Amino acid sequence: MTKEQQTEYMINFIIDEMTKYLMTDYNLDMPTALNIIYNSQAMKLLQNKETGLYSQSPGYVYAILQREYTTGKIG
C-alpha cells in the first residue's frame, strides 16, 4: 500500500467513525450525517494533507466537527 493509499484509508476510516458518532449523538440517519460531514470545514481540513489532521484519532477530528456543527465555527 502506498503512502497516498494509506492516507486515503485513514481519512475514510475517520469519516466512517464520525458518521457513527453523529448518528448516535444526534439521532441522525446516515445520509444526514454524511451530508453534515462532507459539507463541513472540518472535512476540508481533514482532506488537506498539509494539516496532518488525518493522522489524528477519529474522536479528535469528531470534536472539531461537533464544535462546528453545534456552534457554526471551527475554533
N, C-alpha and C. Protein backbone atom coordinates (compact mmCIF):
# COMPACT_ATOMS: atom_id res chain seq x y z
N MET A 1 0.85 -1.17 0.00
CA MET A 1 0.00 0.00 0.00
C MET A 1 0.90 1.24 0.00
N THR A 2 0.61 2.15 -0.90
CA THR A 2 1.41 3.37 -1.00
C THR A 2 1.02 4.34 0.12
N LYS A 3 1.85 5.34 0.34
CA LYS A 3 1.56 6.34 1.36
C LYS A 3 0.24 7.05 1.05
N GLU A 4 0.00 7.35 -0.22
CA GLU A 4 -1.25 8.00 -0.62
C GLU A 4 -2.45 7.11 -0.30
N GLN A 5 -2.34 5.82 -0.55
CA GLN A 5 -3.42 4.89 -0.24
C GLN A 5 -3.65 4.79 1.26
N GLN A 6 -2.57 4.81 2.02
CA GLN A 6 -2.68 4.77 3.48
C GLN A 6 -3.41 6.01 4.00
N THR A 7 -3.05 7.15 3.44
CA THR A 7 -3.69 8.41 3.85
C THR A 7 -5.18 8.38 3.54
N GLU A 8 -5.54 7.93 2.34
CA GLU A 8 -6.95 7.84 1.96
C GLU A 8 -7.70 6.86 2.85
N TYR A 9 -7.07 5.76 3.20
CA TYR A 9 -7.67 4.78 4.09
C TYR A 9 -7.96 5.42 5.45
N MET A 10 -6.99 6.16 5.96
CA MET A 10 -7.14 6.80 7.27
C MET A 10 -8.26 7.84 7.24
N ILE A 11 -8.32 8.63 6.19
CA ILE A 11 -9.38 9.62 6.04
C ILE A 11 -10.74 8.94 6.00
N ASN A 12 -10.86 7.89 5.21
CA ASN A 12 -12.14 7.17 5.10
C ASN A 12 -12.54 6.54 6.42
N PHE A 13 -11.58 6.03 7.16
CA PHE A 13 -11.86 5.44 8.47
C PHE A 13 -12.41 6.52 9.41
N ILE A 14 -11.79 7.69 9.41
CA ILE A 14 -12.25 8.78 10.27
C ILE A 14 -13.66 9.21 9.89
N ILE A 15 -13.92 9.29 8.59
CA ILE A 15 -15.27 9.66 8.13
C ILE A 15 -16.30 8.63 8.60
N ASP A 16 -15.96 7.35 8.48
CA ASP A 16 -16.87 6.28 8.93
C ASP A 16 -17.18 6.43 10.43
N GLU A 17 -16.14 6.66 11.22
CA GLU A 17 -16.34 6.77 12.66
C GLU A 17 -17.14 8.03 13.01
N MET A 18 -16.84 9.15 12.36
CA MET A 18 -17.57 10.38 12.64
C MET A 18 -19.05 10.22 12.26
N THR A 19 -19.31 9.48 11.20
CA THR A 19 -20.70 9.23 10.81
C THR A 19 -21.43 8.49 11.93
N LYS A 20 -20.79 7.46 12.47
CA LYS A 20 -21.39 6.71 13.58
C LYS A 20 -21.62 7.61 14.79
N TYR A 21 -20.63 8.45 15.10
CA TYR A 21 -20.74 9.34 16.25
C TYR A 21 -21.91 10.31 16.08
N LEU A 22 -22.03 10.92 14.91
CA LEU A 22 -23.13 11.86 14.66
C LEU A 22 -24.48 11.16 14.76
N MET A 23 -24.56 9.97 14.18
CA MET A 23 -25.82 9.23 14.21
C MET A 23 -26.22 8.92 15.65
N THR A 24 -25.27 8.56 16.47
CA THR A 24 -25.54 8.22 17.86
C THR A 24 -25.83 9.46 18.70
N ASP A 25 -24.96 10.46 18.60
CA ASP A 25 -25.08 11.64 19.47
C ASP A 25 -26.28 12.52 19.13
N TYR A 26 -26.65 12.58 17.85
CA TYR A 26 -27.71 13.50 17.44
C TYR A 26 -28.92 12.78 16.82
N ASN A 27 -28.93 11.46 16.92
CA ASN A 27 -30.04 10.66 16.40
C ASN A 27 -30.34 10.98 14.94
N LEU A 28 -29.28 11.02 14.12
CA LEU A 28 -29.40 11.33 12.70
C LEU A 28 -29.38 10.06 11.88
N ASP A 29 -29.97 10.11 10.70
CA ASP A 29 -29.81 8.99 9.78
C ASP A 29 -28.49 9.15 9.03
N MET A 30 -28.06 8.10 8.37
CA MET A 30 -26.76 8.11 7.72
C MET A 30 -26.62 9.19 6.64
N PRO A 31 -27.59 9.34 5.73
CA PRO A 31 -27.44 10.39 4.72
C PRO A 31 -27.28 11.80 5.32
N THR A 32 -28.01 12.07 6.38
CA THR A 32 -27.91 13.38 7.02
C THR A 32 -26.54 13.56 7.66
N ALA A 33 -26.07 12.54 8.36
CA ALA A 33 -24.76 12.61 8.99
C ALA A 33 -23.67 12.81 7.95
N LEU A 34 -23.74 12.07 6.86
CA LEU A 34 -22.73 12.21 5.80
C LEU A 34 -22.80 13.58 5.15
N ASN A 35 -24.00 14.11 4.99
CA ASN A 35 -24.15 15.44 4.42
C ASN A 35 -23.48 16.49 5.32
N ILE A 36 -23.67 16.37 6.61
CA ILE A 36 -23.03 17.29 7.56
C ILE A 36 -21.52 17.20 7.44
N ILE A 37 -21.00 15.99 7.39
CA ILE A 37 -19.55 15.80 7.32
C ILE A 37 -18.99 16.36 6.03
N TYR A 38 -19.55 15.96 4.90
CA TYR A 38 -18.98 16.33 3.60
C TYR A 38 -19.15 17.82 3.28
N ASN A 39 -20.03 18.52 3.98
CA ASN A 39 -20.20 19.95 3.75
C ASN A 39 -19.57 20.80 4.84
N SER A 40 -18.72 20.21 5.65
CA SER A 40 -18.13 20.93 6.77
C SER A 40 -16.72 21.44 6.47
N GLN A 41 -16.35 22.45 7.23
CA GLN A 41 -14.96 22.94 7.18
C GLN A 41 -14.03 21.88 7.75
N ALA A 42 -14.50 21.13 8.73
CA ALA A 42 -13.69 20.06 9.32
C ALA A 42 -13.27 19.06 8.25
N MET A 43 -14.18 18.75 7.33
CA MET A 43 -13.87 17.83 6.24
C MET A 43 -12.79 18.40 5.34
N LYS A 44 -12.88 19.69 5.06
CA LYS A 44 -11.85 20.33 4.23
C LYS A 44 -10.49 20.25 4.90
N LEU A 45 -10.46 20.46 6.21
CA LEU A 45 -9.21 20.35 6.95
C LEU A 45 -8.70 18.91 6.94
N LEU A 46 -9.61 17.97 7.10
CA LEU A 46 -9.23 16.55 7.11
C LEU A 46 -8.63 16.14 5.78
N GLN A 47 -9.19 16.62 4.67
CA GLN A 47 -8.70 16.25 3.35
C GLN A 47 -7.42 16.98 2.95
N ASN A 48 -7.12 18.08 3.62
CA ASN A 48 -5.90 18.81 3.32
C ASN A 48 -4.73 18.09 3.98
N LYS A 49 -3.92 17.43 3.18
CA LYS A 49 -2.83 16.61 3.70
C LYS A 49 -1.82 17.43 4.51
N GLU A 50 -1.73 18.71 4.22
CA GLU A 50 -0.77 19.57 4.92
C GLU A 50 -1.13 19.79 6.39
N THR A 51 -2.40 19.66 6.74
CA THR A 51 -2.81 19.86 8.14
C THR A 51 -2.41 18.67 9.01
N GLY A 52 -2.28 17.49 8.40
CA GLY A 52 -1.95 16.29 9.16
C GLY A 52 -3.11 15.79 10.01
N LEU A 53 -4.29 16.39 9.85
CA LEU A 53 -5.44 16.01 10.67
C LEU A 53 -5.81 14.54 10.47
N TYR A 54 -5.54 14.02 9.29
CA TYR A 54 -5.85 12.61 9.00
C TYR A 54 -5.09 11.64 9.91
N SER A 55 -4.02 12.12 10.54
CA SER A 55 -3.22 11.24 11.40
C SER A 55 -3.70 11.29 12.86
N GLN A 56 -4.73 12.06 13.13
CA GLN A 56 -5.28 12.15 14.48
C GLN A 56 -6.37 11.09 14.66
N SER A 57 -6.79 10.92 15.89
CA SER A 57 -7.83 9.93 16.16
C SER A 57 -9.19 10.42 15.64
N PRO A 58 -10.07 9.48 15.32
CA PRO A 58 -11.42 9.88 14.90
C PRO A 58 -12.13 10.75 15.95
N GLY A 59 -11.90 10.45 17.22
CA GLY A 59 -12.52 11.23 18.29
C GLY A 59 -12.05 12.68 18.29
N TYR A 60 -10.79 12.89 18.01
CA TYR A 60 -10.23 14.24 17.96
C TYR A 60 -10.84 15.03 16.80
N VAL A 61 -10.89 14.41 15.64
CA VAL A 61 -11.46 15.07 14.46
C VAL A 61 -12.95 15.30 14.67
N TYR A 62 -13.61 14.35 15.31
CA TYR A 62 -15.04 14.50 15.59
C TYR A 62 -15.29 15.68 16.52
N ALA A 63 -14.42 15.90 17.48
CA ALA A 63 -14.59 17.04 18.39
C ALA A 63 -14.58 18.35 17.60
N ILE A 64 -13.74 18.42 16.58
CA ILE A 64 -13.70 19.61 15.72
C ILE A 64 -15.01 19.73 14.95
N LEU A 65 -15.45 18.62 14.37
CA LEU A 65 -16.71 18.61 13.62
C LEU A 65 -17.89 18.96 14.53
N GLN A 66 -17.91 18.39 15.70
CA GLN A 66 -19.01 18.61 16.64
C GLN A 66 -19.08 20.09 17.04
N ARG A 67 -17.92 20.70 17.28
CA ARG A 67 -17.89 22.12 17.61
C ARG A 67 -18.47 22.93 16.46
N GLU A 68 -18.05 22.57 15.24
CA GLU A 68 -18.58 23.28 14.06
C GLU A 68 -20.08 23.06 13.92
N TYR A 69 -20.54 21.85 14.13
CA TYR A 69 -21.96 21.52 13.98
C TYR A 69 -22.82 22.26 15.01
N THR A 70 -22.34 22.36 16.24
CA THR A 70 -23.15 22.96 17.30
C THR A 70 -23.03 24.47 17.37
N THR A 71 -21.88 25.03 16.94
CA THR A 71 -21.68 26.47 17.06
C THR A 71 -21.60 27.18 15.71
N GLY A 72 -21.35 26.41 14.65
CA GLY A 72 -21.18 27.00 13.34
C GLY A 72 -19.76 27.49 13.10
N LYS A 73 -18.87 27.24 14.07
CA LYS A 73 -17.48 27.68 13.94
C LYS A 73 -16.54 26.54 14.26
N ILE A 74 -15.38 26.56 13.62
CA ILE A 74 -14.37 25.53 13.88
C ILE A 74 -13.68 25.79 15.22
N GLY A 75 -13.21 26.98 15.43
CA GLY A 75 -12.40 27.26 16.61
C GLY A 75 -12.97 28.23 17.56
